[in-house]
Each structure stands twice: as C-alpha cells, then as structure tokens.
Amino acid sequence: MTENATARASGETSWTIPVTCALRGGPRGFAAVMVEQSGEEIVLDAQVTGGCMIVLDEAGATALFDILGTWLGGRDDLGVEVG
C-alpha cells in the first residue's frame, strides 16, 4: 500500500483500500477501491459506487495474486514463494 495507507475492513468479506485515481488526480489515498468476496468471485468496485465493477473468478484472482506477488517481491514467476 502507499505510504500511510491502510485497508479498512467493512466486514469479513469486504475491504476498502485507499488509492489514487490516475485519470482525475487528487492526493494519494483520496479515492478508494472496495474489494469484496461474493460467493466464488472477487469483486473490485473501483469507485465504491457500483459504477465500475471488475469481477474475477478463481483463476483471475489467482493470476492477479501471482502477478502482484511477483511485482512486490517474495515470489518467483510461477507464484511459488521464495527465500
């Protein structure tokens, strides 16, 4: 997360993460993304308004997890934890 940013739990299956909107600008952490588990899917609500919903199935969520792990370190390109 960005410096001084923390995720807020909205319940056991949803979190709000402070982000920055590249299109509209504003200070870091001004915007938010809601991350919610909905059954077998992960839903990313990019504006916390329902106006832009990204729905990931298990394969998509796993791919995103592996990609972020690779970019942030601690995982190799196959998603296997290293060191």
C-alpha atoms as a PDB file:
ATOM      1  CA  MET A   1       0.000   0.000   0.000  1.00  0.00           C
ATOM      2  CA  THR A   2       1.045   3.577  -0.347  1.00  0.00           C
ATOM      3  CA  GLU A   3       2.797   5.305   2.497  1.00  0.00           C
ATOM      4  CA  ASN A   4       0.414   5.954   5.423  1.00  0.00           C
ATOM      5  CA  ALA A   5      -2.363   3.979   3.679  1.00  0.00           C
ATOM      6  CA  THR A   6      -4.225   1.139   5.334  1.00  0.00           C
ATOM      7  CA  ALA A   7      -7.098  -1.065   4.273  1.00  0.00           C
ATOM      8  CA  ARG A   8     -10.322  -0.718   6.265  1.00  0.00           C
ATOM      9  CA  ALA A   9     -12.393  -3.791   6.932  1.00  0.00           C
ATOM     10  CA  SER A  10     -16.050  -3.314   6.118  1.00  0.00           C
ATOM     11  CA  GLY A  11     -16.893  -6.850   7.152  1.00  0.00           C
ATOM     12  CA  GLU A  12     -15.328 -10.262   6.927  1.00  0.00           C
ATOM     13  CA  THR A  13     -15.728 -10.367   3.139  1.00  0.00           C
ATOM     14  CA  SER A  14     -15.043  -6.784   2.080  1.00  0.00           C
ATOM     15  CA  TRP A  15     -12.259  -4.233   2.395  1.00  0.00           C
ATOM     16  CA  THR A  16     -11.822  -0.625   1.312  1.00  0.00           C
ATOM     17  CA  ILE A  17      -8.347   0.299   0.099  1.00  0.00           C
ATOM     18  CA  PRO A  18      -7.229   3.928  -0.341  1.00  0.00           C
ATOM     19  CA  VAL A  19      -5.929   4.535  -3.887  1.00  0.00           C
ATOM     20  CA  THR A  20      -5.176   7.361  -6.306  1.00  0.00           C
ATOM     21  CA  CYS A  21      -7.203   7.954  -9.463  1.00  0.00           C
ATOM     22  CA  ALA A  22      -4.763   8.405 -12.354  1.00  0.00           C
ATOM     23  CA  LEU A  23      -7.488   9.943 -14.530  1.00  0.00           C
ATOM     24  CA  ARG A  24      -8.918  12.503 -12.114  1.00  0.00           C
ATOM     25  CA  GLY A  25      -5.843  13.048  -9.960  1.00  0.00           C
ATOM     26  CA  GLY A  26      -6.067  14.178  -6.377  1.00  0.00           C
ATOM     27  CA  PRO A  27      -3.869  13.374  -3.413  1.00  0.00           C
ATOM     28  CA  ARG A  28      -2.673   9.840  -2.686  1.00  0.00           C
ATOM     29  CA  GLY A  29      -5.339   7.815  -0.947  1.00  0.00           C
ATOM     30  CA  PHE A  30      -8.115  10.256  -1.923  1.00  0.00           C
ATOM     31  CA  ALA A  31     -10.065   7.666  -3.910  1.00  0.00           C
ATOM     32  CA  ALA A  32     -10.947   4.139  -2.778  1.00  0.00           C
ATOM     33  CA  VAL A  33     -11.408   0.644  -4.140  1.00  0.00           C
ATOM     34  CA  MET A  34     -13.787  -1.811  -2.474  1.00  0.00           C
ATOM     35  CA  VAL A  35     -12.602  -5.426  -2.579  1.00  0.00           C
ATOM     36  CA  GLU A  36     -15.346  -7.897  -1.812  1.00  0.00           C
ATOM     37  CA  GLN A  37     -15.766 -11.652  -1.822  1.00  0.00           C
ATOM     38  CA  SER A  38     -19.069 -12.604  -3.422  1.00  0.00           C
ATOM     39  CA  GLY A  39     -19.500 -16.347  -3.389  1.00  0.00           C
ATOM     40  CA  GLU A  40     -16.830 -17.849  -5.626  1.00  0.00           C
ATOM     41  CA  GLU A  41     -15.863 -14.465  -7.117  1.00  0.00           C
ATOM     42  CA  ILE A  42     -13.809 -11.451  -6.080  1.00  0.00           C
ATOM     43  CA  VAL A  43     -15.394  -8.105  -6.949  1.00  0.00           C
ATOM     44  CA  LEU A  44     -13.340  -4.912  -7.255  1.00  0.00           C
ATOM     45  CA  ASP A  45     -15.512  -1.791  -7.113  1.00  0.00           C
ATOM     46  CA  ALA A  46     -13.192   0.864  -8.488  1.00  0.00           C
ATOM     47  CA  GLN A  47     -15.242   3.820  -7.268  1.00  0.00           C
ATOM     48  CA  VAL A  48     -17.102   2.277  -4.295  1.00  0.00           C
ATOM     49  CA  THR A  49     -20.289   3.348  -6.074  1.00  0.00           C
ATOM     50  CA  GLY A  50     -21.058   0.315  -8.197  1.00  0.00           C
ATOM     51  CA  GLY A  51     -20.223   2.379 -11.295  1.00  0.00           C
ATOM     52  CA  CYS A  52     -17.203   0.299 -12.301  1.00  0.00           C
ATOM     53  CA  MET A  53     -17.196  -3.322 -11.169  1.00  0.00           C
ATOM     54  CA  ILE A  54     -14.405  -5.754 -12.012  1.00  0.00           C
ATOM     55  CA  VAL A  55     -15.343  -9.385 -11.304  1.00  0.00           C
ATOM     56  CA  LEU A  56     -12.638 -12.043 -11.013  1.00  0.00           C
ATOM     57  CA  ASP A  57     -13.281 -15.782 -10.918  1.00  0.00           C
ATOM     58  CA  GLU A  58     -10.864 -18.038  -9.041  1.00  0.00           C
ATOM     59  CA  ALA A  59      -8.445 -18.273 -11.995  1.00  0.00           C
ATOM     60  CA  GLY A  60      -8.428 -14.496 -12.490  1.00  0.00           C
ATOM     61  CA  ALA A  61      -7.976 -13.796  -8.778  1.00  0.00           C
ATOM     62  CA  THR A  62      -5.140 -16.323  -8.591  1.00  0.00           C
ATOM     63  CA  ALA A  63      -3.430 -14.776 -11.620  1.00  0.00           C
ATOM     64  CA  LEU A  64      -3.707 -11.283 -10.103  1.00  0.00           C
ATOM     65  CA  PHE A  65      -2.361 -12.581  -6.785  1.00  0.00           C
ATOM     66  CA  ASP A  66       0.640 -14.174  -8.541  1.00  0.00           C
ATOM     67  CA  ILE A  67       1.346 -11.062 -10.625  1.00  0.00           C
ATOM     68  CA  LEU A  68       1.242  -8.756  -7.599  1.00  0.00           C
ATOM     69  CA  GLY A  69       3.429 -11.173  -5.656  1.00  0.00           C
ATOM     70  CA  THR A  70       5.991 -11.127  -8.452  1.00  0.00           C
ATOM     71  CA  TRP A  71       5.982  -7.332  -8.734  1.00  0.00           C
ATOM     72  CA  LEU A  72       6.160  -6.787  -4.974  1.00  0.00           C
ATOM     73  CA  GLY A  73       8.793  -9.461  -4.395  1.00  0.00           C
ATOM     74  CA  GLY A  74       8.827 -12.668  -2.427  1.00  0.00           C
ATOM     75  CA  ARG A  75       7.520 -14.882  -5.263  1.00  0.00           C
ATOM     76  CA  ASP A  76       9.050 -16.253  -8.422  1.00  0.00           C
ATOM     77  CA  ASP A  77       7.336 -16.058 -11.805  1.00  0.00           C
ATOM     78  CA  LEU A  78       5.307 -19.211 -11.074  1.00  0.00           C
ATOM     79  CA  GLY A  79       3.776 -17.820  -7.894  1.00  0.00           C
ATOM     80  CA  VAL A  80       5.921 -20.041  -5.658  1.00  0.00           C
ATOM     81  CA  GLU A  81       7.171 -18.377  -2.504  1.00  0.00           C
ATOM     82  CA  VAL A  82      10.928 -17.884  -2.476  1.00  0.00           C
ATOM     83  CA  GLY A  83      13.532 -17.167   0.192  1.00  0.00           C
END
